[in-house]
Amino acid sequence: MPGGCSRGPATGDGRFRLARLALVLLGWVSSSSPTSSASSSTASALFPASAASAQPPLSSQCPAPCECSEAARTVKCVNRNLTEVPADLPPYVRTLFLTGNQLALLPAGAFARRPPLAELAALNLSGSRLGNVHAAAFEDLPSLRQLDLSHNPLAHLSPFAFSGINASASTPSPLVELILNHVETPGGPDRNRSVERMVAAALQEPHTLRGLRRLELASNHFLYLPRDLLSQLPGLRHLDLSNNSLVSLTYLSFRNLTHLESLHLEDNALKVLHNGTLAELQSLAHVRVFLEDNPWVCDCHMVDMVNWLKETEIVEGKARLTCAFPEKMRNRILVELNISDLDCDPILPPSLQTSYVFLGIVLALIGAIFLLVLYLNRKGIKKWMHNIRDACRDHMEGYHYRYEINADPRLTNLSSNSDV
C-alpha cells in the first residue's frame, strides 16, 4: 500500500503537465491564425498594386465567342459569324483561327491592339467571306509567319496588303508562308484576268515578300501567269500552281528562283513545255517538278520535251505522264515514245473542225446578207449601170468621130478651112 500511495502523486503530476502542454499548443495555433490572416490583409492593404498585378489582366481573358488555350497559345473563333476581328484577343496568342465567319472587310490596322499581338505567328482567315483586304491590314503583326486567305470571295486585295500604307518606308513583311488557294472572286467575263492581276500586283510589290518561302495558288482557274509574277520572291522554296487552267508557261520565268525545291503543276491544261521553260527548270539545282494529270499533246512539237524527260531526274513520277491527244496516242507513256511516233497529223482535232465549220457558216451568212442587199437595191444598181454605159458610149463616139476626121484628108482640109 505505501508503494501504491507513493506512485499516485507522481502520476497525477505527469498528467497535469501533459494537459498544460496541450493547452499551450492549442493557444498558439489559435493565436497564430488571426495573426496570419491579419498580416495578409495588412499586406494587401499596404501593397494593392502588387496584389492586383498577381491577377491575370483583363486583356489576357478569352473573347466571348472564342475558345482559348493559354498553354498552347491558341485562340479559335471558328464558325461564329463574326463581322470583325475580336478586339479583346489575348496578347499571348501565337495561332489564331478566324475561319468560317462573315468578316467581309479587313481595314488598315485590323489587328492593332494595346498591348500588341507581338507573338501572333499563324493566322487562318479561310472561308470567312472576305471581299476586301486593305493596305496595311497586317501591319501590326510583326511576328506573322503563316497567313491563309483561301476560300474567300476576294474582289479587292490591295498591293500593299502585306506591307504598310507607305510601302517605301515600311519594313518587309515577316511572312514565310502565304496560302491563296481557291480564291472565289465574283463571276464575269474578266473574272480570271482580275484574279491574276490582283494576285500579281500584291506579289510584285518590291521588297515586301522577299522572305516568303512557300506560296500556294492552287484551284484559282488561272489561264496564264504574268512574266514577272515571281520576280520579287527570290527566297521561294515551294510553289503550288496545281488544279488551275494553265495552258502554257511561256510567259512565266523561274530564272531567279534559285532556292526552289518543289513546283506543283498537276491538274492544269498544259499541252507541251517549250525549250525556254525546260532550260529554266533544268537550271534550278534543287527543284522537284510535278506534272501529272495534264492533257499532253504528243505530236511533232513534243519532241524536245520527250527527249528532256528521258534525260532529266527532276520530274517526279515521270513514268506516269501519258498522252491525251491525238486519239491514236492516247494513254501512251511519254518517256517510252520514239521520235518517229511524234508526227503532226494533218487531220484536225474535232474542236478545230467544229471551229472551221462555224466559220464557214458565218461566212455563208455574210454572203447571203450581201446578196440580199444587192437584190433590194436592184433598181438603183440597174440605173447606175445604165448611166455608166451611156457615159462610156458618149466618150467612145467622141473618139470615133475624131478618128474619122483624121483618116479623111478632105475632112481634114475642111476642118482646117473652117478653123480659118
Protein backbone atom coordinates (compact mmCIF):
# COMPACT_ATOMS: atom_id res chain seq x y z
CA MET A 1 0.00 0.00 0.00
CA PRO A 2 2.67 2.52 0.85
CA GLY A 3 4.19 1.83 -2.56
CA GLY A 4 0.87 2.50 -4.26
CA CYS A 5 0.39 5.75 -2.36
CA SER A 6 3.79 6.99 -3.40
CA ARG A 7 3.01 6.46 -7.13
CA GLY A 8 -0.32 8.38 -7.16
CA PRO A 9 1.03 11.93 -6.80
CA ALA A 10 3.69 11.32 -9.45
CA THR A 11 1.13 10.04 -11.94
CA GLY A 12 -1.21 12.95 -11.30
CA ASP A 13 1.63 15.43 -11.72
CA GLY A 14 2.57 13.91 -15.11
CA ARG A 15 -0.99 14.11 -16.33
CA PHE A 16 -1.17 17.72 -15.26
CA ARG A 17 1.96 18.57 -17.20
CA LEU A 18 0.65 16.88 -20.39
CA ALA A 19 -2.64 18.74 -20.14
CA ARG A 20 -0.84 22.02 -19.62
CA LEU A 21 1.34 21.38 -22.71
CA ALA A 22 -1.73 20.61 -24.84
CA LEU A 23 -3.40 23.85 -23.73
CA VAL A 24 -0.28 25.83 -24.65
CA LEU A 25 -0.17 24.29 -28.10
CA LEU A 26 -3.86 24.96 -28.75
CA GLY A 27 -3.46 28.54 -27.64
CA TRP A 28 -0.51 29.11 -30.00
CA VAL A 29 -2.40 27.74 -33.03
CA SER A 30 -5.49 29.83 -32.34
CA SER A 31 -3.42 32.95 -31.83
CA SER A 32 -1.29 32.44 -34.95
CA SER A 33 -4.30 32.00 -37.28
CA PRO A 34 -5.78 35.50 -36.87
CA THR A 35 -2.28 36.90 -36.89
CA SER A 36 -1.56 35.39 -40.31
CA SER A 37 -4.89 36.49 -41.70
CA ALA A 38 -4.34 39.94 -40.31
CA SER A 39 -0.85 40.08 -41.74
CA SER A 40 -2.10 39.01 -45.17
CA SER A 41 -4.86 41.61 -45.10
CA THR A 42 -2.36 44.19 -43.91
CA ALA A 43 -0.02 43.27 -46.79
CA SER A 44 -2.88 43.57 -49.24
CA ALA A 45 -3.75 46.95 -47.85
CA LEU A 46 -0.18 48.14 -47.90
CA PHE A 47 0.64 46.82 -51.42
CA PRO A 48 -2.56 46.92 -53.53
CA ALA A 49 -0.61 47.25 -56.79
CA SER A 50 1.30 44.03 -56.28
CA ALA A 51 -1.87 42.20 -55.33
CA ALA A 52 -3.60 43.42 -58.45
CA SER A 53 -0.67 42.50 -60.67
CA ALA A 54 -0.76 38.95 -59.41
CA GLN A 55 -4.21 38.54 -61.02
CA PRO A 56 -4.41 37.96 -64.80
CA PRO A 57 -5.08 41.21 -66.68
CA LEU A 58 -8.37 41.73 -68.46
CA SER A 59 -6.68 41.72 -71.90
CA SER A 60 -5.49 38.15 -71.32
CA GLN A 61 -9.02 36.86 -70.98
CA CYS A 62 -10.63 34.93 -73.83
CA PRO A 63 -13.14 36.70 -76.15
CA ALA A 64 -16.69 35.51 -75.54
CA PRO A 65 -17.28 33.72 -78.88
CA CYS A 66 -13.85 32.06 -78.96
CA GLU A 67 -12.02 29.13 -77.39
CA CYS A 68 -8.61 29.84 -75.92
CA SER A 69 -5.73 27.72 -74.72
CA GLU A 70 -3.01 29.68 -72.97
CA ALA A 71 -0.84 26.57 -72.71
CA ALA A 72 -0.97 26.06 -76.50
CA ARG A 73 -1.02 29.82 -77.19
CA THR A 74 -4.03 29.24 -79.47
CA VAL A 75 -7.33 31.07 -79.98
CA LYS A 76 -10.13 29.56 -82.09
CA CYS A 77 -13.04 31.72 -83.28
CA VAL A 78 -14.46 29.23 -85.78
CA ASN A 79 -17.93 29.44 -87.41
CA ARG A 80 -19.09 32.25 -85.11
CA ASN A 81 -20.40 34.62 -87.83
CA LEU A 82 -18.05 37.35 -86.65
CA THR A 83 -18.19 40.55 -88.70
CA GLU A 84 -14.89 41.94 -87.38
CA VAL A 85 -11.76 40.75 -85.65
CA PRO A 86 -12.38 40.48 -81.88
CA ALA A 87 -10.97 43.47 -80.04
CA ASP A 88 -10.03 41.63 -76.82
CA LEU A 89 -7.69 38.97 -78.17
CA PRO A 90 -5.19 37.85 -75.51
CA PRO A 91 -1.65 39.06 -76.16
CA TYR A 92 -0.19 35.58 -75.64
CA VAL A 93 -1.82 34.19 -78.82
CA ARG A 94 0.51 32.64 -81.37
CA THR A 95 -2.02 30.79 -83.53
CA LEU A 96 -5.35 32.41 -84.39
CA PHE A 97 -8.18 30.70 -86.27
CA LEU A 98 -10.88 33.02 -87.67
CA THR A 99 -12.36 30.59 -90.20
CA GLY A 100 -15.99 30.33 -91.24
CA ASN A 101 -17.03 33.86 -90.30
CA GLN A 102 -18.56 36.90 -92.05
CA LEU A 103 -15.67 39.35 -91.88
CA ALA A 104 -16.16 40.84 -95.38
CA LEU A 105 -13.53 43.54 -94.81
CA LEU A 106 -10.06 43.81 -93.28
CA PRO A 107 -9.25 47.53 -92.90
CA ALA A 108 -5.84 49.03 -92.24
CA GLY A 109 -4.73 48.22 -88.71
CA ALA A 110 -7.27 45.42 -88.32
CA PHE A 111 -5.02 43.74 -85.72
CA ALA A 112 -3.79 46.86 -83.90
CA ARG A 113 -4.07 46.21 -80.13
CA ARG A 114 -2.74 47.53 -76.81
CA PRO A 115 -0.77 45.55 -75.81
CA PRO A 116 0.11 44.45 -79.35
CA LEU A 117 -0.25 40.90 -80.65
CA ALA A 118 3.51 40.65 -80.83
CA GLU A 119 3.65 36.84 -80.73
CA LEU A 120 0.97 36.03 -83.34
CA ALA A 121 2.75 33.81 -85.89
CA ALA A 122 -0.03 31.88 -87.67
CA LEU A 123 -3.30 33.42 -88.88
CA ASN A 124 -6.03 31.44 -90.63
CA LEU A 125 -8.78 33.52 -92.28
CA SER A 126 -10.01 30.90 -94.76
CA GLY A 127 -13.71 30.73 -95.59
CA SER A 128 -14.58 33.98 -93.81
CA ARG A 129 -16.31 35.74 -96.73
CA LEU A 130 -13.50 38.26 -97.06
CA GLY A 131 -14.16 40.54 -100.01
CA ASN A 132 -11.72 43.39 -99.38
CA VAL A 133 -8.28 43.40 -97.81
CA HIS A 134 -6.97 46.95 -97.48
CA ALA A 135 -3.42 48.23 -97.36
CA ALA A 136 -1.57 47.65 -94.06
CA ALA A 137 -4.21 45.18 -92.88
CA PHE A 138 -1.49 43.01 -91.30
CA GLU A 139 0.97 45.78 -90.45
CA ASP A 140 0.60 45.37 -86.66
CA LEU A 141 1.64 41.69 -86.64
CA PRO A 142 5.44 41.80 -86.51
CA SER A 143 5.82 38.03 -85.95
CA LEU A 144 3.32 36.82 -88.56
CA ARG A 145 4.85 33.88 -90.44
CA GLN A 146 1.88 32.00 -91.87
CA LEU A 147 -1.24 33.51 -93.48
CA ASP A 148 -4.14 31.61 -95.03
CA LEU A 149 -6.66 33.59 -97.13
CA SER A 150 -8.10 30.62 -99.04
CA HIS A 151 -11.77 30.14 -99.95
CA ASN A 152 -12.64 33.83 -99.77
CA PRO A 153 -14.52 35.90 -102.42
CA LEU A 154 -11.72 38.42 -102.78
CA ALA A 155 -12.84 41.29 -105.00
CA HIS A 156 -10.00 43.55 -103.90
CA LEU A 157 -6.61 42.61 -102.50
CA SER A 158 -4.53 45.73 -102.05
CA PRO A 159 -0.98 45.60 -103.48
CA PHE A 160 0.10 46.93 -100.06
CA ALA A 161 -1.94 44.44 -98.01
CA PHE A 162 1.21 42.70 -96.76
CA SER A 163 3.15 45.92 -96.18
CA GLY A 164 2.42 49.35 -94.75
CA ILE A 165 0.40 52.09 -96.38
CA ASN A 166 3.69 53.80 -97.22
CA ALA A 167 5.43 50.80 -98.78
CA SER A 168 8.67 52.70 -99.43
CA ALA A 169 9.12 53.44 -95.73
CA SER A 170 7.75 50.19 -94.26
CA THR A 171 9.80 47.16 -93.30
CA PRO A 172 9.50 43.93 -95.32
CA SER A 173 6.72 41.57 -94.33
CA PRO A 174 7.75 38.74 -91.98
CA LEU A 175 5.57 36.29 -93.93
CA VAL A 176 7.17 32.93 -94.70
CA GLU A 177 4.07 31.06 -95.92
CA LEU A 178 1.19 32.56 -97.93
CA ILE A 179 -1.81 30.42 -98.89
CA LEU A 180 -4.21 31.78 -101.53
CA ASN A 181 -5.96 28.63 -102.71
CA HIS A 182 -9.42 28.74 -104.29
CA VAL A 183 -9.97 32.49 -104.35
CA GLU A 184 -13.68 32.83 -105.10
CA THR A 185 -13.86 36.12 -106.97
CA PRO A 186 -17.21 37.37 -108.32
CA GLY A 187 -18.20 35.97 -111.70
CA GLY A 188 -17.98 37.75 -115.04
CA PRO A 189 -16.11 37.65 -118.35
CA ASP A 190 -12.97 39.16 -116.82
CA ARG A 191 -13.00 37.02 -113.66
CA ASN A 192 -9.82 35.07 -114.33
CA ARG A 193 -7.87 38.08 -115.51
CA SER A 194 -8.92 40.09 -112.45
CA VAL A 195 -7.69 37.37 -110.09
CA GLU A 196 -4.39 37.08 -111.92
CA ARG A 197 -3.82 40.83 -111.96
CA MET A 198 -4.82 41.24 -108.32
CA VAL A 199 -2.56 38.47 -107.04
CA ALA A 200 0.31 39.56 -109.28
CA ALA A 201 0.14 43.15 -108.03
CA ALA A 202 0.39 42.01 -104.41
CA LEU A 203 3.27 39.60 -105.08
CA GLN A 204 5.24 42.03 -107.24
CA GLU A 205 5.42 44.81 -104.68
CA PRO A 206 9.19 45.39 -104.33
CA HIS A 207 10.93 44.03 -101.21
CA THR A 208 7.66 43.25 -99.40
CA LEU A 209 7.70 39.43 -99.59
CA ARG A 210 11.37 38.76 -100.10
CA GLY A 211 11.36 36.35 -97.16
CA LEU A 212 8.49 34.23 -98.48
CA ARG A 213 9.33 30.51 -98.61
CA ARG A 214 6.01 28.87 -99.52
CA LEU A 215 3.35 30.16 -101.93
CA GLU A 216 0.16 28.24 -102.69
CA LEU A 217 -2.04 29.40 -105.59
CA ALA A 218 -3.95 26.19 -106.28
CA SER A 219 -7.51 25.92 -107.65
CA ASN A 220 -7.81 29.50 -108.91
CA HIS A 221 -8.63 28.78 -112.58
CA PHE A 222 -5.58 30.73 -113.75
CA LEU A 223 -5.22 30.69 -117.55
CA TYR A 224 -1.82 32.32 -117.60
CA LEU A 225 0.64 33.95 -115.21
CA PRO A 226 2.41 37.26 -115.81
CA ARG A 227 6.09 37.08 -116.71
CA ASP A 228 7.30 38.93 -113.61
CA LEU A 229 4.94 37.27 -111.13
CA LEU A 230 7.81 35.66 -109.19
CA SER A 231 10.46 38.29 -109.75
CA GLN A 232 10.23 39.68 -106.19
CA LEU A 233 10.28 36.28 -104.45
CA PRO A 234 13.93 35.21 -104.59
CA GLY A 235 13.72 33.09 -101.44
CA LEU A 236 10.78 30.96 -102.59
CA ARG A 237 11.21 27.23 -101.94
CA HIS A 238 7.76 25.73 -102.52
CA LEU A 239 5.35 26.86 -105.26
CA ASP A 240 1.95 25.22 -105.75
CA LEU A 241 0.11 26.04 -109.01
CA SER A 242 -1.87 22.80 -109.19
CA ASN A 243 -5.51 22.48 -110.27
CA ASN A 244 -5.59 25.63 -112.38
CA SER A 245 -6.23 26.06 -116.12
CA LEU A 246 -2.72 26.99 -117.22
CA VAL A 247 -2.23 26.24 -120.93
CA SER A 248 1.37 27.42 -121.17
CA LEU A 249 4.34 28.52 -119.07
CA THR A 250 5.94 30.52 -121.88
CA TYR A 251 5.47 33.86 -120.15
CA LEU A 252 6.41 32.70 -116.64
CA SER A 253 10.04 32.94 -115.61
CA PHE A 254 11.65 30.75 -112.94
CA ARG A 255 15.14 32.16 -113.54
CA ASN A 256 15.54 33.93 -110.19
CA LEU A 257 14.09 31.12 -108.04
CA THR A 258 17.47 29.60 -107.30
CA HIS A 259 16.28 28.07 -103.99
CA LEU A 260 13.11 26.48 -105.37
CA GLU A 261 12.66 22.92 -104.09
CA SER A 262 9.17 21.91 -105.27
CA LEU A 263 7.00 23.07 -108.17
CA HIS A 264 3.47 21.64 -108.41
CA LEU A 265 1.85 21.90 -111.84
CA GLU A 266 -0.56 18.96 -111.63
CA ASP A 267 -4.12 19.16 -112.96
CA ASN A 268 -3.66 22.02 -115.38
CA ALA A 269 -4.24 22.33 -119.15
CA LEU A 270 -0.59 22.10 -120.22
CA LYS A 271 -0.09 20.54 -123.66
CA VAL A 272 3.67 20.90 -124.06
CA LEU A 273 6.64 22.57 -122.37
CA HIS A 274 8.86 24.51 -124.75
CA ASN A 275 12.63 24.76 -124.79
CA GLY A 276 12.85 28.02 -122.83
CA THR A 277 10.83 26.61 -119.93
CA LEU A 278 12.72 23.32 -119.97
CA ALA A 279 16.08 25.10 -119.81
CA GLU A 280 14.97 27.27 -116.87
CA LEU A 281 13.68 24.29 -114.91
CA GLN A 282 16.85 22.32 -115.56
CA SER A 283 18.97 25.21 -114.29
CA LEU A 284 17.36 25.04 -110.82
CA ALA A 285 19.67 22.93 -108.69
CA HIS A 286 17.28 21.60 -106.02
CA VAL A 287 13.85 21.59 -107.67
CA ARG A 288 11.41 18.67 -107.94
CA VAL A 289 8.69 19.18 -110.58
CA PHE A 290 5.24 17.55 -110.54
CA LEU A 291 3.49 17.38 -113.94
CA GLU A 292 0.81 14.71 -113.64
CA ASP A 293 -2.76 14.95 -114.98
CA ASN A 294 -2.14 17.36 -117.84
CA PRO A 295 -3.55 16.81 -121.38
CA TRP A 296 -0.21 16.34 -123.18
CA VAL A 297 -0.43 16.53 -126.97
CA CYS A 298 2.01 14.01 -128.43
CA ASP A 299 2.81 15.42 -131.86
CA CYS A 300 5.90 16.82 -133.53
CA HIS A 301 6.00 19.73 -131.06
CA MET A 302 6.60 17.28 -128.20
CA VAL A 303 10.00 16.04 -129.42
CA ASP A 304 12.12 18.34 -127.24
CA MET A 305 10.08 17.66 -124.13
CA VAL A 306 10.20 13.88 -124.60
CA ASN A 307 13.98 13.99 -125.00
CA TRP A 308 14.24 16.18 -121.90
CA LEU A 309 12.06 13.83 -119.84
CA LYS A 310 14.23 10.85 -120.77
CA GLU A 311 17.36 12.62 -119.53
CA THR A 312 16.23 14.69 -116.53
CA GLU A 313 15.84 13.50 -112.96
CA ILE A 314 13.94 16.48 -111.58
CA VAL A 315 10.44 15.33 -112.62
CA GLU A 316 8.64 13.27 -110.00
CA GLY A 317 6.58 10.38 -111.38
CA LYS A 318 7.59 10.99 -114.98
CA ALA A 319 6.78 7.36 -115.82
CA ARG A 320 3.12 8.21 -115.15
CA LEU A 321 2.92 11.04 -117.69
CA THR A 322 0.78 9.93 -120.64
CA CYS A 323 -0.52 11.37 -123.91
CA ALA A 324 -4.06 12.70 -124.14
CA PHE A 325 -4.06 13.66 -127.84
CA PRO A 326 -4.18 12.66 -130.65
CA GLU A 327 -6.54 9.74 -130.30
CA LYS A 328 -4.05 7.19 -131.67
CA MET A 329 -1.52 8.19 -128.98
CA ARG A 330 -3.90 8.28 -126.03
CA ASN A 331 -2.56 6.79 -122.76
CA ARG A 332 0.92 6.15 -124.17
CA ILE A 333 3.72 6.89 -121.70
CA LEU A 334 5.81 9.90 -122.70
CA VAL A 335 9.21 8.56 -121.71
CA GLU A 336 8.60 5.41 -123.79
CA LEU A 337 7.84 7.26 -127.02
CA ASN A 338 10.14 7.15 -130.02
CA ILE A 339 10.79 10.27 -132.05
CA SER A 340 9.25 8.53 -135.06
CA ASP A 341 5.97 8.31 -133.14
CA LEU A 342 5.73 12.07 -132.85
CA ASP A 343 4.40 13.50 -136.09
CA CYS A 344 1.94 16.27 -136.81
CA ASP A 345 -1.28 14.72 -138.04
CA PRO A 346 -2.84 16.78 -140.86
CA ILE A 347 -6.27 15.76 -139.64
CA LEU A 348 -7.54 18.47 -137.36
CA PRO A 349 -8.88 17.59 -133.93
CA PRO A 350 -12.67 17.69 -133.56
CA SER A 351 -12.58 21.00 -131.71
CA LEU A 352 -10.81 22.73 -134.62
CA GLN A 353 -13.07 21.03 -137.15
CA THR A 354 -16.06 22.43 -135.30
CA SER A 355 -14.46 25.88 -135.31
CA TYR A 356 -13.91 25.81 -139.06
CA VAL A 357 -17.48 24.62 -139.67
CA PHE A 358 -18.73 27.51 -137.58
CA LEU A 359 -16.50 29.92 -139.52
CA GLY A 360 -17.93 28.59 -142.82
CA ILE A 361 -21.47 29.12 -141.59
CA VAL A 362 -20.66 32.71 -140.59
CA LEU A 363 -19.10 33.47 -144.00
CA ALA A 364 -22.10 31.94 -145.79
CA LEU A 365 -24.42 34.10 -143.72
CA ILE A 366 -22.43 37.22 -144.59
CA GLY A 367 -22.60 36.31 -148.30
CA ALA A 368 -26.35 35.78 -148.11
CA ILE A 369 -26.82 39.18 -146.49
CA PHE A 370 -24.68 40.80 -149.21
CA LEU A 371 -26.79 39.21 -151.97
CA LEU A 372 -29.97 40.28 -150.22
CA VAL A 373 -28.75 43.89 -150.13
CA LEU A 374 -27.97 43.73 -153.85
CA TYR A 375 -31.41 42.36 -154.61
CA LEU A 376 -33.22 45.04 -152.62
CA ASN A 377 -31.27 47.75 -154.44
CA ARG A 378 -31.51 46.19 -157.91
CA LYS A 379 -33.35 49.17 -159.48
CA GLY A 380 -30.83 51.68 -158.27
CA ILE A 381 -27.97 49.43 -159.35
CA LYS A 382 -29.57 48.99 -162.80
CA LYS A 383 -29.93 52.75 -163.21
CA TRP A 384 -26.35 53.26 -162.12
CA MET A 385 -25.17 50.69 -164.67
CA HIS A 386 -27.15 52.42 -167.47
CA ASN A 387 -25.62 55.77 -166.60
CA ILE A 388 -22.15 54.28 -166.75
CA ARG A 389 -22.94 52.65 -170.10
CA ASP A 390 -24.26 55.95 -171.61
CA ALA A 391 -21.23 57.83 -170.35
CA CYS A 392 -18.88 55.27 -171.85
CA ARG A 393 -20.80 55.30 -175.17
CA ASP A 394 -20.65 59.10 -175.49
CA HIS A 395 -16.96 59.02 -174.76
CA MET A 396 -16.33 56.31 -177.36
CA GLU A 397 -18.38 58.17 -180.01
CA GLY A 398 -16.18 61.24 -179.50
CA TYR A 399 -13.07 59.16 -180.11
CA HIS A 400 -14.68 57.59 -183.20
CA TYR A 401 -15.58 60.99 -184.69
CA ARG A 402 -12.04 62.30 -184.25
CA TYR A 403 -10.65 59.18 -185.85
CA GLU A 404 -12.85 59.64 -188.97
CA ILE A 405 -11.75 63.26 -189.39
CA ASN A 406 -8.10 62.37 -189.12
CA ALA A 407 -8.47 59.50 -191.61
CA ASP A 408 -10.15 61.55 -194.48
CA PRO A 409 -7.91 64.34 -196.00
CA ARG A 410 -10.89 66.21 -197.32
CA LEU A 411 -12.45 66.41 -193.93
CA THR A 412 -9.12 67.42 -192.58
CA ASN A 413 -8.88 70.37 -195.07
CA LEU A 414 -12.47 71.27 -194.38
CA SER A 415 -11.76 71.25 -190.75
CA SER A 416 -8.70 73.49 -191.22
CA ASN A 417 -10.62 75.92 -193.52
CA SER A 418 -13.43 76.11 -191.08
CA ASP A 419 -10.89 76.95 -188.43
CA VAL A 420 -9.60 79.80 -190.62
